[in-house]
Amino acid sequence: MSDLTDLYQHVILDHNRRPRNRGVLPTANRVAHGDNPTCGDQCSVYLRMEGDRVAEISFDGQGCAISQASASLMTTQVKGKTPQEAQALYDQFHRIVTTGEAPDEISDLAAFAGVHAYPARIKCATLGWHAALEAMRQPADR
């Protein structure tokens, strides 16, 4: 196994074992939920938008290691971003998980490049991202 593959596996395992930003965000003003019935994954994403930026973000749910690690990583990548910037990150992530081709620069998103070899897992990897983007499109709840 290459050093890069080891690094990528470490990123996924670390985010699965020690998820970042897990739990209900009491100050959220946007919430969206996603389900992947094929795998049993569930993910709710909580956002607090300030103007056009994600001020705070968290997720909660259950599912396979890929879905949970991806949701955790997504929260670290999307915080501080506008919806347009978050969409651009998602587009990059989607290319990675569907083609296995990572950008030239090493990023934690590239850790999910191996998902492309398991098409059923693409839904697992993108579940939290879809919920976050949906939450950004909703009007403020509070």
C-alpha atoms as a PDB file:
ATOM      1  CA  MET A   1       0.000   0.000   0.000  1.00  0.00           C
ATOM      2  CA  SER A   2       1.344   3.447  -0.861  1.00  0.00           C
ATOM      3  CA  ASP A   3       2.026   6.116   1.723  1.00  0.00           C
ATOM      4  CA  LEU A   4      -0.708   8.269   0.156  1.00  0.00           C
ATOM      5  CA  THR A   5      -3.258   5.443   0.436  1.00  0.00           C
ATOM      6  CA  ASP A   6      -2.265   4.953   4.071  1.00  0.00           C
ATOM      7  CA  LEU A   7      -2.731   8.673   4.699  1.00  0.00           C
ATOM      8  CA  TYR A   8      -6.157   8.630   3.068  1.00  0.00           C
ATOM      9  CA  GLN A   9      -7.269   5.602   5.078  1.00  0.00           C
ATOM     10  CA  HIS A  10      -6.063   7.351   8.225  1.00  0.00           C
ATOM     11  CA  VAL A  11      -8.168  10.433   7.402  1.00  0.00           C
ATOM     12  CA  ILE A  12     -11.335   8.357   6.939  1.00  0.00           C
ATOM     13  CA  LEU A  13     -10.750   6.237  10.033  1.00  0.00           C
ATOM     14  CA  ASP A  14      -9.917   9.301  12.130  1.00  0.00           C
ATOM     15  CA  HIS A  15     -13.087  11.165  11.084  1.00  0.00           C
ATOM     16  CA  ASN A  16     -15.179   8.047  11.705  1.00  0.00           C
ATOM     17  CA  ARG A  17     -13.706   7.373  15.156  1.00  0.00           C
ATOM     18  CA  ARG A  18     -13.525  11.020  16.234  1.00  0.00           C
ATOM     19  CA  PRO A  19     -16.158  12.873  14.236  1.00  0.00           C
ATOM     20  CA  ARG A  20     -15.859  16.626  14.142  1.00  0.00           C
ATOM     21  CA  ASN A  21     -18.882  18.829  14.771  1.00  0.00           C
ATOM     22  CA  ARG A  22     -21.184  15.943  15.714  1.00  0.00           C
ATOM     23  CA  GLY A  23     -24.423  16.718  17.504  1.00  0.00           C
ATOM     24  CA  VAL A  24     -27.419  18.991  17.307  1.00  0.00           C
ATOM     25  CA  LEU A  25     -26.492  22.653  16.942  1.00  0.00           C
ATOM     26  CA  PRO A  26     -28.806  24.575  19.316  1.00  0.00           C
ATOM     27  CA  THR A  27     -28.260  27.865  17.477  1.00  0.00           C
ATOM     28  CA  ALA A  28     -29.058  26.420  14.021  1.00  0.00           C
ATOM     29  CA  ASN A  29     -31.300  28.481  11.786  1.00  0.00           C
ATOM     30  CA  ARG A  30     -31.352  25.893   8.991  1.00  0.00           C
ATOM     31  CA  VAL A  31     -31.724  22.105   9.156  1.00  0.00           C
ATOM     32  CA  ALA A  32     -31.924  19.384   6.510  1.00  0.00           C
ATOM     33  CA  HIS A  33     -32.088  15.614   6.732  1.00  0.00           C
ATOM     34  CA  GLY A  34     -30.903  12.936   4.345  1.00  0.00           C
ATOM     35  CA  ASP A  35     -31.534   9.205   4.217  1.00  0.00           C
ATOM     36  CA  ASN A  36     -29.855   6.465   2.239  1.00  0.00           C
ATOM     37  CA  PRO A  37     -32.286   3.546   2.506  1.00  0.00           C
ATOM     38  CA  THR A  38     -29.936   1.244   0.584  1.00  0.00           C
ATOM     39  CA  CYS A  39     -27.356   1.375   3.352  1.00  0.00           C
ATOM     40  CA  GLY A  40     -29.438   2.607   6.279  1.00  0.00           C
ATOM     41  CA  ASP A  41     -27.457   5.847   6.586  1.00  0.00           C
ATOM     42  CA  GLN A  42     -29.168   8.878   8.105  1.00  0.00           C
ATOM     43  CA  CYS A  43     -27.718  12.347   8.424  1.00  0.00           C
ATOM     44  CA  SER A  44     -29.134  15.616   9.686  1.00  0.00           C
ATOM     45  CA  VAL A  45     -27.135  18.780   9.096  1.00  0.00           C
ATOM     46  CA  TYR A  46     -27.568  21.866  11.249  1.00  0.00           C
ATOM     47  CA  LEU A  47     -26.375  25.268  10.070  1.00  0.00           C
ATOM     48  CA  ARG A  48     -26.229  28.702  11.550  1.00  0.00           C
ATOM     49  CA  MET A  49     -25.956  31.117   8.694  1.00  0.00           C
ATOM     50  CA  GLU A  50     -24.768  34.662   9.281  1.00  0.00           C
ATOM     51  CA  GLY A  51     -25.502  36.629   6.179  1.00  0.00           C
ATOM     52  CA  ASP A  52     -24.333  34.509   3.288  1.00  0.00           C
ATOM     53  CA  ARG A  53     -21.766  32.458   5.244  1.00  0.00           C
ATOM     54  CA  VAL A  54     -21.916  29.278   7.296  1.00  0.00           C
ATOM     55  CA  ALA A  55     -21.018  30.498  10.787  1.00  0.00           C
ATOM     56  CA  GLU A  56     -21.512  27.127  12.471  1.00  0.00           C
ATOM     57  CA  ILE A  57     -22.289  23.647  11.226  1.00  0.00           C
ATOM     58  CA  SER A  58     -22.855  20.260  12.773  1.00  0.00           C
ATOM     59  CA  PHE A  59     -24.279  16.904  11.830  1.00  0.00           C
ATOM     60  CA  ASP A  60     -25.954  14.042  13.597  1.00  0.00           C
ATOM     61  CA  GLY A  61     -27.002  10.630  12.443  1.00  0.00           C
ATOM     62  CA  GLN A  62     -25.913   7.083  12.006  1.00  0.00           C
ATOM     63  CA  GLY A  63     -24.562   4.946   9.269  1.00  0.00           C
ATOM     64  CA  CYS A  64     -21.525   3.328   7.770  1.00  0.00           C
ATOM     65  CA  ALA A  65     -17.985   4.596   8.295  1.00  0.00           C
ATOM     66  CA  ILE A  66     -17.923   6.270   4.871  1.00  0.00           C
ATOM     67  CA  SER A  67     -21.081   8.318   5.478  1.00  0.00           C
ATOM     68  CA  GLN A  68     -20.082   9.363   8.985  1.00  0.00           C
ATOM     69  CA  ALA A  69     -16.488  10.226   8.080  1.00  0.00           C
ATOM     70  CA  SER A  70     -17.623  12.140   5.011  1.00  0.00           C
ATOM     71  CA  ALA A  71     -20.180  14.161   6.991  1.00  0.00           C
ATOM     72  CA  SER A  72     -17.536  14.956   9.599  1.00  0.00           C
ATOM     73  CA  LEU A  73     -15.026  16.075   6.982  1.00  0.00           C
ATOM     74  CA  MET A  74     -17.717  18.050   5.162  1.00  0.00           C
ATOM     75  CA  THR A  75     -18.400  20.128   8.278  1.00  0.00           C
ATOM     76  CA  THR A  76     -14.738  21.099   8.535  1.00  0.00           C
ATOM     77  CA  GLN A  77     -14.631  22.097   4.866  1.00  0.00           C
ATOM     78  CA  VAL A  78     -17.915  24.035   4.660  1.00  0.00           C
ATOM     79  CA  LYS A  79     -17.647  26.191   7.786  1.00  0.00           C
ATOM     80  CA  GLY A  80     -17.079  29.808   6.811  1.00  0.00           C
ATOM     81  CA  LYS A  81     -18.096  29.240   3.204  1.00  0.00           C
ATOM     82  CA  THR A  82     -20.893  30.776   1.141  1.00  0.00           C
ATOM     83  CA  PRO A  83     -23.415  28.438  -0.501  1.00  0.00           C
ATOM     84  CA  GLN A  84     -21.626  28.959  -3.824  1.00  0.00           C
ATOM     85  CA  GLU A  85     -18.258  28.057  -2.310  1.00  0.00           C
ATOM     86  CA  ALA A  86     -19.808  25.003  -0.629  1.00  0.00           C
ATOM     87  CA  GLN A  87     -21.311  23.928  -3.960  1.00  0.00           C
ATOM     88  CA  ALA A  88     -17.893  24.234  -5.622  1.00  0.00           C
ATOM     89  CA  LEU A  89     -16.360  22.057  -2.874  1.00  0.00           C
ATOM     90  CA  TYR A  90     -19.139  19.517  -3.332  1.00  0.00           C
ATOM     91  CA  ASP A  91     -18.576  19.485  -7.100  1.00  0.00           C
ATOM     92  CA  GLN A  92     -14.880  18.753  -6.491  1.00  0.00           C
ATOM     93  CA  PHE A  93     -15.740  16.054  -3.935  1.00  0.00           C
ATOM     94  CA  HIS A  94     -18.306  14.474  -6.287  1.00  0.00           C
ATOM     95  CA  ARG A  95     -15.693  14.268  -9.053  1.00  0.00           C
ATOM     96  CA  ILE A  96     -13.304  12.567  -6.628  1.00  0.00           C
ATOM     97  CA  VAL A  97     -15.803   9.928  -5.455  1.00  0.00           C
ATOM     98  CA  THR A  98     -17.169   9.195  -8.927  1.00  0.00           C
ATOM     99  CA  THR A  99     -13.909   9.127 -10.895  1.00  0.00           C
ATOM    100  CA  GLY A 100     -11.233   8.393  -8.307  1.00  0.00           C
ATOM    101  CA  GLU A 101      -9.253  11.308  -9.680  1.00  0.00           C
ATOM    102  CA  ALA A 102      -8.059  13.671  -6.997  1.00  0.00           C
ATOM    103  CA  PRO A 103      -6.780  17.181  -7.608  1.00  0.00           C
ATOM    104  CA  ASP A 104      -3.027  17.653  -7.845  1.00  0.00           C
ATOM    105  CA  GLU A 105      -2.882  19.268  -4.432  1.00  0.00           C
ATOM    106  CA  ILE A 106      -3.264  16.850  -1.555  1.00  0.00           C
ATOM    107  CA  SER A 107      -6.423  17.496   0.401  1.00  0.00           C
ATOM    108  CA  ASP A 108      -8.446  15.506   2.893  1.00  0.00           C
ATOM    109  CA  LEU A 109     -11.254  15.339   0.326  1.00  0.00           C
ATOM    110  CA  ALA A 110      -9.010  13.113  -1.805  1.00  0.00           C
ATOM    111  CA  ALA A 111      -9.175  10.493   0.953  1.00  0.00           C
ATOM    112  CA  PHE A 112     -12.490   9.425  -0.553  1.00  0.00           C
ATOM    113  CA  ALA A 113     -11.082   8.710  -4.044  1.00  0.00           C
ATOM    114  CA  GLY A 114     -11.307   4.954  -3.432  1.00  0.00           C
ATOM    115  CA  VAL A 115     -15.080   5.194  -3.130  1.00  0.00           C
ATOM    116  CA  HIS A 116     -15.378   5.295  -6.929  1.00  0.00           C
ATOM    117  CA  ALA A 117     -14.582   1.569  -7.024  1.00  0.00           C
ATOM    118  CA  TYR A 118     -17.765   0.899  -5.019  1.00  0.00           C
ATOM    119  CA  PRO A 119     -20.596   2.756  -6.795  1.00  0.00           C
ATOM    120  CA  ALA A 120     -23.146   1.934  -4.094  1.00  0.00           C
ATOM    121  CA  ARG A 121     -20.948   3.788  -1.584  1.00  0.00           C
ATOM    122  CA  ILE A 122     -21.078   7.070  -3.518  1.00  0.00           C
ATOM    123  CA  LYS A 123     -24.489   7.770  -1.959  1.00  0.00           C
ATOM    124  CA  CYS A 124     -22.969   7.102   1.456  1.00  0.00           C
ATOM    125  CA  ALA A 125     -20.143   9.546   0.835  1.00  0.00           C
ATOM    126  CA  THR A 126     -22.348  12.333  -0.524  1.00  0.00           C
ATOM    127  CA  LEU A 127     -25.285  12.067   1.905  1.00  0.00           C
ATOM    128  CA  GLY A 128     -24.086  14.710   4.371  1.00  0.00           C
ATOM    129  CA  TRP A 129     -23.039  17.029   1.559  1.00  0.00           C
ATOM    130  CA  HIS A 130     -26.515  16.865  -0.011  1.00  0.00           C
ATOM    131  CA  ALA A 131     -28.122  17.622   3.350  1.00  0.00           C
ATOM    132  CA  ALA A 132     -25.801  20.600   3.926  1.00  0.00           C
ATOM    133  CA  LEU A 133     -26.494  22.063   0.489  1.00  0.00           C
ATOM    134  CA  GLU A 134     -30.235  21.564   1.011  1.00  0.00           C
ATOM    135  CA  ALA A 135     -30.031  23.337   4.383  1.00  0.00           C
ATOM    136  CA  MET A 136     -28.278  26.286   2.752  1.00  0.00           C
ATOM    137  CA  ARG A 137     -31.128  26.634   0.235  1.00  0.00           C
ATOM    138  CA  GLN A 138     -33.796  26.802   2.935  1.00  0.00           C
ATOM    139  CA  PRO A 139     -35.074  29.975   4.534  1.00  0.00           C
ATOM    140  CA  ALA A 140     -34.024  30.613   8.132  1.00  0.00           C
ATOM    141  CA  ASP A 141     -36.043  28.617  10.675  1.00  0.00           C
ATOM    142  CA  ARG A 142     -35.424  31.010  13.531  1.00  0.00           C
END
